[in-house]
Protein backbone atom coordinates (compact mmCIF):
# COMPACT_ATOMS: atom_id res chain seq x y z
CA UNK A 1 1.23 23.77 -17.16
CA UNK A 2 -0.12 21.20 -15.21
CA UNK A 3 -0.71 18.93 -17.78
CA UNK A 4 2.80 19.18 -19.01
CA UNK A 5 4.16 18.88 -15.89
CA UNK A 6 2.85 15.16 -15.21
CA UNK A 7 3.79 14.63 -19.33
CA UNK A 8 6.99 15.31 -17.98
CA UNK A 9 7.19 13.56 -15.01
CA UNK A 10 6.17 10.53 -16.70
CA UNK A 11 8.45 10.65 -19.39
CA UNK A 12 11.04 10.41 -16.84
CA UNK A 13 9.78 7.00 -15.93
CA UNK A 14 9.62 6.04 -19.41
CA UNK A 15 6.45 4.10 -19.62
CA UNK A 16 4.50 6.53 -21.91
CA UNK A 17 7.32 7.25 -24.39
CA UNK A 18 7.53 3.54 -24.87
CA UNK A 19 3.65 3.21 -25.37
CA UNK A 20 2.95 6.28 -27.35
CA UNK A 21 6.11 6.23 -29.68
CA UNK A 22 6.36 2.27 -30.11
CA UNK A 23 10.09 2.56 -29.33
CA UNK A 24 12.41 -0.10 -29.28
CA UNK A 25 14.83 0.03 -26.75
CA UNK A 26 18.48 -1.67 -27.24
CA UNK A 27 18.19 -5.00 -25.02
CA UNK A 28 21.28 -6.47 -26.92
CA UNK A 29 23.94 -7.07 -24.03
CA UNK A 30 27.44 -9.00 -24.37
CA UNK A 31 28.04 -12.47 -23.28
CA UNK A 32 30.50 -10.64 -20.73
CA UNK A 33 27.73 -8.15 -19.73
CA UNK A 34 25.01 -11.06 -19.34
CA UNK A 35 26.82 -13.63 -17.32
CA UNK A 36 27.35 -9.81 -15.01
CA UNK A 37 23.86 -9.79 -14.05
CA UNK A 38 22.60 -11.07 -10.49
CA UNK A 39 20.05 -13.77 -10.05
CA UNK A 40 17.79 -10.75 -7.82
CA UNK A 41 17.48 -7.40 -6.43
CA UNK A 42 19.49 -7.83 -3.07
CA UNK A 43 18.40 -4.29 -2.55
CA UNK A 44 14.97 -4.75 -2.27
CA UNK A 45 14.32 -7.74 -1.02
CA UNK A 46 16.35 -7.17 1.90
CA UNK A 47 14.51 -3.88 2.69
CA UNK A 48 11.23 -5.75 3.13
CA UNK A 49 12.93 -8.12 5.29
CA UNK A 50 13.85 -5.61 7.42
CA UNK A 51 11.10 -3.69 7.22
CA UNK A 52 9.23 -6.75 8.65
CA UNK A 53 11.71 -7.69 11.02
CA UNK A 54 11.51 -4.08 12.27
CA UNK A 55 7.66 -4.64 12.55
CA UNK A 56 7.69 -7.91 14.02
CA UNK A 57 9.96 -6.43 17.14
CA UNK A 58 7.83 -3.37 17.37
CA UNK A 59 4.43 -5.09 17.35
CA UNK A 60 5.78 -7.05 20.50
CA UNK A 61 7.01 -4.21 22.14
CA UNK A 62 3.82 -2.22 21.26
CA UNK A 63 0.78 -4.85 22.12
CA UNK A 64 2.15 -6.25 25.61
CA UNK A 65 0.01 -3.67 27.50
CA UNK A 66 -3.12 -4.16 25.79
CA UNK A 67 -2.63 -8.52 25.85
CA UNK A 68 -2.27 -8.45 29.55
CA UNK A 69 -5.50 -6.31 29.56
CA UNK A 70 -7.58 -7.91 27.12
CA UNK A 71 -9.36 -10.73 28.46
CA UNK A 72 -9.66 -12.98 25.56
CA UNK A 73 -5.85 -12.91 24.93
CA UNK A 74 -6.15 -15.13 28.18
CA UNK A 75 -3.62 -12.46 30.01
CA UNK A 76 -0.98 -13.72 28.01
CA UNK A 77 1.85 -10.50 26.84
CA UNK A 78 2.95 -12.41 23.66
CA UNK A 79 -0.71 -13.15 22.42
CA UNK A 80 -0.14 -9.84 19.31
CA UNK A 81 3.87 -11.92 18.78
CA UNK A 82 2.64 -15.25 18.59
CA UNK A 83 0.10 -14.27 16.46
CA UNK A 84 2.02 -11.71 14.21
CA UNK A 85 5.13 -13.91 13.63
CA UNK A 86 2.36 -16.74 12.81
CA UNK A 87 1.07 -14.14 10.24
CA UNK A 88 4.37 -13.27 9.09
CA UNK A 89 5.79 -16.90 8.36
CA UNK A 90 2.28 -17.90 6.46
CA UNK A 91 3.11 -14.59 4.03
CA UNK A 92 6.62 -15.92 3.39
CA UNK A 93 5.71 -19.24 2.87
CA UNK A 94 2.86 -17.61 -0.05
CA UNK A 95 5.33 -15.12 -1.26
CA UNK A 96 7.87 -18.07 -1.88
CA UNK A 97 4.64 -19.74 -3.44
CA UNK A 98 3.55 -16.45 -5.59
CA UNK A 99 6.63 -16.12 -7.05
CA UNK A 100 7.10 -19.44 -8.97
CA UNK A 101 4.16 -17.92 -11.07
CA UNK A 102 5.09 -16.00 -14.31
CA UNK A 103 3.86 -12.71 -15.33
CA UNK A 104 1.65 -14.13 -18.52
CA UNK A 105 -0.08 -16.19 -16.22
CA UNK A 106 -1.16 -13.02 -13.53
CA UNK A 107 -2.35 -10.60 -16.66
CA UNK A 108 -4.73 -13.80 -17.59
CA UNK A 109 -6.25 -13.93 -14.18
CA UNK A 110 -6.26 -10.11 -13.16
CA UNK A 111 -9.80 -9.55 -14.23
CA UNK A 112 -11.31 -12.44 -12.46
CA UNK A 113 -8.93 -11.30 -9.68
CA UNK A 114 -10.45 -8.09 -9.48
CA UNK A 115 -14.45 -9.22 -10.11
CA UNK A 116 -13.42 -11.64 -7.26
CA UNK A 117 -12.64 -9.16 -5.00
CA UNK A 118 -15.49 -6.93 -5.37
CA UNK A 119 -17.51 -9.72 -4.84
CA UNK A 120 -15.40 -10.14 -1.48
CA UNK A 121 -16.18 -6.57 -1.20
CA UNK A 122 -19.96 -7.52 -1.45
CA UNK A 123 -19.73 -10.40 0.52
CA UNK A 124 -18.63 -8.00 3.41
CA UNK A 125 -21.54 -5.21 3.64
CA UNK A 126 -24.42 -8.56 4.06
CA UNK A 127 -25.36 -8.46 7.56
CA UNK A 128 -24.27 -11.87 9.22
CA UNK A 129 -21.48 -12.23 6.57
CA UNK A 130 -19.48 -9.29 7.73
CA UNK A 131 -17.53 -8.81 10.46
CA UNK A 132 -18.33 -5.34 12.21
CA UNK A 133 -15.51 -3.90 14.55
CA UNK A 134 -16.03 -0.95 16.02
CA UNK A 135 -18.76 0.43 13.83
CA UNK A 136 -17.21 -0.39 10.56
CA UNK A 137 -17.35 -3.46 8.54
CA UNK A 138 -14.63 -4.91 6.83
CA UNK A 139 -13.57 -7.90 7.70
CA UNK A 140 -15.03 -11.51 6.84
CA UNK A 141 -14.84 -14.02 9.57
CA UNK A 142 -13.02 -17.21 9.13
CA UNK A 143 -12.65 -18.52 12.57
CA UNK A 144 -8.61 -18.62 13.25
CA UNK A 145 -8.56 -15.58 10.67
CA UNK A 146 -10.40 -12.47 10.12
CA UNK A 147 -9.74 -11.25 5.97
CA UNK A 148 -10.06 -8.06 5.64
CA UNK A 149 -11.22 -7.94 1.51
CA UNK A 150 -9.77 -4.42 0.95
CA UNK A 151 -6.63 -5.54 1.60
CA UNK A 152 -6.32 -7.70 -1.51
CA UNK A 153 -8.68 -5.31 -3.92
CA UNK A 154 -5.28 -3.59 -3.50
CA UNK A 155 -3.43 -5.76 -5.21
CA UNK A 156 -6.02 -6.69 -7.42
CA UNK A 157 -6.12 -3.27 -8.63
CA UNK A 158 -2.65 -3.19 -9.30
CA UNK A 159 -2.83 -5.91 -11.76
CA UNK A 160 -6.21 -5.26 -13.26
CA UNK A 161 -5.35 -1.93 -14.47
CA UNK A 162 -2.09 -2.92 -15.89
CA UNK A 163 -4.43 -5.13 -17.53
CA UNK A 164 -6.54 -2.75 -18.73
CA UNK A 165 -4.22 -0.26 -19.57
CA UNK A 166 -2.40 -2.41 -21.83
CA UNK A 167 -5.20 -4.15 -23.80
CA UNK A 168 -6.90 -0.11 -24.15
CA UNK A 169 -3.46 1.58 -25.06
CA UNK A 170 -5.24 2.69 -28.33
CA UNK A 171 -7.98 3.80 -26.68
CA UNK A 172 -6.34 5.40 -23.68
CA UNK A 173 -6.64 9.49 -25.34
CA UNK A 174 -10.30 8.48 -25.66
CA UNK A 175 -12.63 9.78 -22.82
CA UNK A 176 -15.26 7.56 -23.78
CA UNK A 177 -13.92 4.15 -25.38
CA UNK A 178 -10.78 4.41 -22.73
CA UNK A 179 -11.05 6.59 -19.32
CA UNK A 180 -15.19 5.87 -18.56
CA UNK A 181 -15.16 2.13 -18.31
CA UNK A 182 -12.20 2.21 -15.68
CA UNK A 183 -13.40 4.78 -14.20
CA UNK A 184 -17.19 3.30 -13.39
CA UNK A 185 -15.30 -0.05 -12.55
CA UNK A 186 -13.32 2.67 -9.39
CA UNK A 187 -16.29 4.23 -8.83
CA UNK A 188 -18.42 0.72 -7.85
CA UNK A 189 -14.94 -0.15 -6.13
CA UNK A 190 -15.39 3.20 -3.92
CA UNK A 191 -18.98 3.06 -3.00
CA UNK A 192 -18.36 -0.27 -1.67
CA UNK A 193 -15.74 0.58 0.21
CA UNK A 194 -17.11 4.23 1.44
CA UNK A 195 -20.12 1.62 3.00
CA UNK A 196 -18.09 0.04 5.05
CA UNK A 197 -16.76 2.64 5.65
CA UNK A 198 -12.85 2.65 4.41
CA UNK A 199 -11.89 5.71 3.41
CA UNK A 200 -8.49 5.09 3.51
CA UNK A 201 -8.66 1.79 1.02
CA UNK A 202 -10.54 3.91 -0.93
CA UNK A 203 -8.13 6.53 -1.91
CA UNK A 204 -5.25 4.17 -1.94
CA UNK A 205 -7.07 2.14 -4.44
CA UNK A 206 -8.05 5.53 -6.32
CA UNK A 207 -4.42 6.55 -6.28
CA UNK A 208 -3.17 3.12 -7.36
CA UNK A 209 -5.59 3.40 -10.47
CA UNK A 210 -5.11 6.36 -11.37
CA UNK A 211 -1.33 6.11 -11.66
CA UNK A 212 -1.19 3.29 -13.82
CA UNK A 213 -3.52 4.99 -16.07
CA UNK A 214 -1.38 7.94 -16.25
CA UNK A 215 2.01 6.28 -16.63
CA UNK A 216 -0.07 3.60 -19.06
CA UNK A 217 -0.64 6.78 -21.96
CA UNK A 218 -3.82 8.44 -20.03
CA UNK A 219 -4.08 11.83 -21.78
CA UNK A 220 -2.59 14.45 -19.51
CA UNK A 221 -6.17 17.21 -19.71
CA UNK A 222 -8.01 14.08 -18.78
CA UNK A 223 -5.67 13.31 -15.94
CA UNK A 224 -5.87 16.95 -14.50
CA UNK A 225 -9.53 17.63 -14.75
CA UNK A 226 -9.79 14.00 -12.65
CA UNK A 227 -7.41 15.16 -10.68
CA UNK A 228 -9.56 18.66 -9.70
CA UNK A 229 -12.85 15.99 -9.82
CA UNK A 230 -11.16 13.63 -6.67
CA UNK A 231 -10.35 17.11 -4.91
CA UNK A 232 -13.87 18.00 -5.48
CA UNK A 233 -15.55 14.79 -4.36
CA UNK A 234 -12.83 14.19 -1.15
CA UNK A 235 -14.24 17.80 0.04
CA UNK A 236 -18.02 16.72 -0.37
CA UNK A 237 -17.33 13.01 1.73
CA UNK A 238 -15.56 15.26 4.35
CA UNK A 239 -18.32 17.90 4.07
CA UNK A 240 -21.52 15.88 4.32
CA UNK A 241 -20.51 13.51 6.98
CA UNK A 242 -20.23 14.24 10.63
CA UNK A 243 -17.37 11.85 11.63
CA UNK A 244 -15.13 12.82 9.23
CA UNK A 245 -15.42 16.68 9.69
CA UNK A 246 -14.80 15.82 13.34
CA UNK A 247 -11.57 14.15 12.30
CA UNK A 248 -10.45 17.69 9.65
CA UNK A 249 -11.14 19.54 12.92
CA UNK A 250 -9.27 17.20 15.62
CA UNK A 251 -6.46 17.41 12.71
CA UNK A 252 -6.39 20.66 12.85
CA UNK A 253 -6.05 21.90 16.51
CA UNK A 254 -5.65 18.39 18.31
CA UNK A 255 -5.52 20.68 22.06
CA UNK A 256 -8.57 21.82 21.36
CA UNK A 257 -9.85 18.49 22.75
CA UNK A 258 -7.42 16.67 23.56
CA UNK A 259 -9.82 13.66 25.45
CA UNK A 260 -12.24 14.10 22.33
CA UNK A 261 -11.96 14.33 19.29
CA UNK A 262 -8.31 15.52 19.37
CA UNK A 263 -7.10 11.87 21.33
CA UNK A 264 -5.64 9.97 19.01
CA UNK A 265 -3.44 13.01 17.19
CA UNK A 266 -2.21 14.27 20.26
CA UNK A 267 -0.58 11.45 21.84
CA UNK A 268 0.74 10.35 18.77
CA UNK A 269 2.53 13.77 18.78
CA UNK A 270 3.70 13.53 22.49
CA UNK A 271 4.74 9.94 22.15
CA UNK A 272 6.87 11.85 19.28
CA UNK A 273 8.51 14.94 21.19
CA UNK A 274 9.38 12.23 24.20
CA UNK A 275 11.60 9.91 21.32
CA UNK A 276 13.36 13.19 20.73
CA UNK A 277 16.72 11.70 19.21
CA UNK A 278 17.27 8.62 20.09
CA UNK A 279 14.10 7.44 22.19
CA UNK A 280 13.31 6.19 25.93
CA UNK A 281 15.09 2.84 24.76
CA UNK A 282 13.31 -0.41 23.45
CA UNK A 283 9.91 -0.96 25.39
CA UNK A 284 10.44 1.85 27.47
CA UNK A 285 7.30 3.23 25.57
CA UNK A 286 4.67 4.93 28.10
CA UNK A 287 2.38 5.63 25.45
CA UNK A 288 1.50 2.38 24.76
CA UNK A 289 0.47 1.80 28.03
CA UNK A 290 -3.25 2.35 26.86
CA UNK A 291 -3.09 5.99 26.19
CA UNK A 292 -2.36 5.55 22.81
CA UNK A 293 -5.56 4.14 20.68
CA UNK A 294 -4.27 1.18 17.76
CA UNK A 295 -0.53 1.55 19.00
CA UNK A 296 0.32 -1.63 17.41
CA UNK A 297 -1.37 -1.12 14.05
CA UNK A 298 -2.37 2.01 12.98
CA UNK A 299 -0.09 4.12 14.88
CA UNK A 300 3.18 1.76 15.35
CA UNK A 301 5.06 4.95 14.11
CA UNK A 302 4.69 6.79 16.87
CA UNK A 303 5.95 3.95 19.53
CA UNK A 304 8.91 3.33 16.85
CA UNK A 305 9.82 7.41 17.56
CA UNK A 306 8.59 7.08 21.32
CA UNK A 307 11.34 4.38 21.94
CA UNK A 308 14.12 4.92 18.71
CA UNK A 309 13.45 8.08 18.85
CA UNK A 310 14.49 10.32 15.39
CA UNK A 311 16.93 7.74 14.56
CA UNK A 312 14.13 4.86 14.17
CA UNK A 313 11.99 6.96 12.47
CA UNK A 314 14.46 7.80 9.86
CA UNK A 315 15.70 4.20 9.06
CA UNK A 316 12.30 3.12 8.72
CA UNK A 317 11.86 6.09 5.80
CA UNK A 318 14.74 5.53 4.39
CA UNK A 319 13.54 1.44 3.86
CA UNK A 320 10.46 2.19 2.15
CA UNK A 321 11.81 5.40 0.79
CA UNK A 322 14.82 2.85 -1.49
CA UNK A 323 11.85 -0.09 -1.56
CA UNK A 324 9.56 2.26 -3.55
CA UNK A 325 12.38 3.73 -5.75
CA UNK A 326 13.66 0.01 -6.71
CA UNK A 327 10.25 -0.83 -7.67
CA UNK A 328 10.28 1.98 -9.86
CA UNK A 329 13.48 0.96 -10.84
CA UNK A 330 12.22 -2.46 -11.45
CA UNK A 331 9.36 -1.10 -13.99
CA UNK A 332 11.79 0.75 -16.14
CA UNK A 333 13.72 -1.98 -16.46
CA UNK A 334 10.62 -3.57 -17.99
CA UNK A 335 9.95 -0.91 -19.95
CA UNK A 336 13.24 -0.95 -21.36
CA UNK A 337 12.72 -4.85 -22.11
CA UNK A 338 9.97 -4.54 -23.53
CA UNK A 339 7.44 -5.84 -21.09
CA UNK A 340 4.32 -3.45 -20.91
CA UNK A 341 2.14 -5.49 -18.22
CA UNK A 342 5.12 -5.89 -16.20
CA UNK A 343 6.32 -2.72 -16.37
CA UNK A 344 3.25 -0.83 -14.66
CA UNK A 345 2.28 -3.63 -12.37
CA UNK A 346 5.88 -2.77 -10.73
CA UNK A 347 5.03 0.77 -10.63
CA UNK A 348 1.36 0.29 -9.23
CA UNK A 349 3.14 -1.64 -6.63
CA UNK A 350 5.72 1.35 -5.46
CA UNK A 351 2.62 3.42 -5.91
CA UNK A 352 0.58 1.40 -3.42
CA UNK A 353 3.58 1.03 -0.85
CA UNK A 354 4.66 4.23 -1.53
CA UNK A 355 1.07 6.30 -0.83
CA UNK A 356 0.10 4.04 1.93
CA UNK A 357 2.94 4.41 3.92
CA UNK A 358 2.65 7.91 3.54
CA UNK A 359 -0.65 8.08 4.73
CA UNK A 360 0.21 6.62 7.61
CA UNK A 361 3.71 8.25 8.25
CA UNK A 362 1.43 12.05 8.29
CA UNK A 363 -1.38 10.74 9.88
CA UNK A 364 1.15 9.70 12.62
CA UNK A 365 3.42 12.85 12.63
CA UNK A 366 -0.05 15.03 12.55
CA UNK A 367 0.56 16.41 8.95
CA UNK A 368 -2.54 14.59 8.13
CA UNK A 369 -5.83 13.49 9.10
CA UNK A 370 -6.55 10.65 11.21
CA UNK A 371 -6.69 7.53 9.37
CA UNK A 372 -7.18 3.91 9.76
CA UNK A 373 -4.53 2.48 7.18
CA UNK A 374 -1.75 0.58 8.88
CA UNK A 375 2.00 0.64 7.62
CA UNK A 376 2.56 -1.38 5.31
CA UNK A 377 5.16 -4.65 6.23
CA UNK A 378 5.31 -3.18 10.05
CA UNK A 379 2.01 -2.89 11.06
CA UNK A 380 0.15 -5.55 13.00
CA UNK A 381 -2.79 -7.18 10.54
CA UNK A 382 -3.19 -11.01 8.45
CA UNK A 383 -4.15 -9.03 5.63
CA UNK A 384 -2.40 -6.46 5.50
CA UNK A 385 1.40 -8.45 5.61
CA UNK A 386 0.21 -11.27 3.62
CA UNK A 387 -1.14 -8.93 0.75
CA UNK A 388 1.82 -6.24 0.60
CA UNK A 389 4.10 -10.41 0.74
CA UNK A 390 2.50 -11.18 -2.17
CA UNK A 391 2.64 -7.86 -4.32
CA UNK A 392 6.41 -8.19 -3.52
CA UNK A 393 6.65 -11.79 -4.72
CA UNK A 394 5.32 -10.46 -8.01
CA UNK A 395 7.43 -7.66 -7.89
CA UNK A 396 10.72 -10.16 -7.63
CA UNK A 397 8.85 -12.12 -9.79
CA UNK A 398 9.28 -9.27 -12.55
CA UNK A 399 12.42 -8.26 -11.66
CA UNK A 400 13.45 -12.32 -11.88
CA UNK A 401 12.40 -12.57 -15.43
CA UNK A 402 13.48 -9.21 -16.67
CA UNK A 403 17.27 -10.29 -15.55
CA UNK A 404 16.27 -14.18 -17.02
CA UNK A 405 15.88 -12.07 -20.21
CA UNK A 406 19.07 -10.09 -20.20
CA UNK A 407 20.92 -12.99 -19.87
CA UNK A 408 19.44 -14.34 -22.87
CA UNK A 409 17.62 -17.12 -20.83
CA UNK A 410 13.48 -17.40 -21.47
CA UNK A 411 10.90 -16.72 -19.07
């Protein structure tokens, strides 16, 4: 029953149907219809820009107190704001450059980009090479900038899984020849991430790979079996790790130890409670005054809830929802134009943004155990913003190439 339901879900998205049945969708359009096609998806672009703008404002608001008490900032209240502006500006410039790269180039480079990402994850674990912060070794120090390879491995996973699925389409029903090679690669990536440790990135990357393989035609029974295996694997990771067990206990009852394992969640919930419907006003948060840890990164949504209330949180949720839906729509359009790699990349980006934002929101609201994942496009962090903007630039490139083909022009 489960496999039939998942089969039906993917059929609604449309890619499996095209890949497996070999249908030739109608793409012919009249001259008038081709002329009416716009140059880009305005809804997709503006939703991303609005999220970046709201994130910029809220990072400044949530980081003022930390800027004033941290010695390395020189007691400048705008320290994190200036760095975030620099990250966003750099990301937009890089994104505009990435937009110029055709999708055929990305497909050719996908395996090499993935290999480069894996090597970067290895470098992180080498003593005196990887940078350790708060007990986690996730960064490579570049002097003025700390690079977090796991953020770019998410993008590499999208591209590699899409390329692999297209190349191995005839073998997708074979566990040994179709699924096992990808499973082995993802287990290697997972092993490296868990040694940092970065369990959140591991969950997101596995979600991306699984979703792309399934949408590309993976056997429904194998998919159901992998879901069960992953569930058992996650349970084993929690049961064998004391600090993960503490997070689970803190999640189940944060008020039992509000100054210990339930500290972050209890203060996030206080922030949501104080915000009510319209919030206490921009800049008026109490929790950001060194009560809520990582207020400008992992718990930015809690500050939004406190200062802008239910209205602000709803706006953010709606913007992410629209962004993800538009990404899936771009993928569906690529299916109709017989572009399977582009379709899978678009849908992989949708899964990435959707899963990571859902996990971050769930953690902030107390629906999911505390996990170190930022809110895409909004939280402070150069690597995350840069990787997100590159992914969206590729998504916009897919959309642009779709529209060029609909106009009857070469891409």
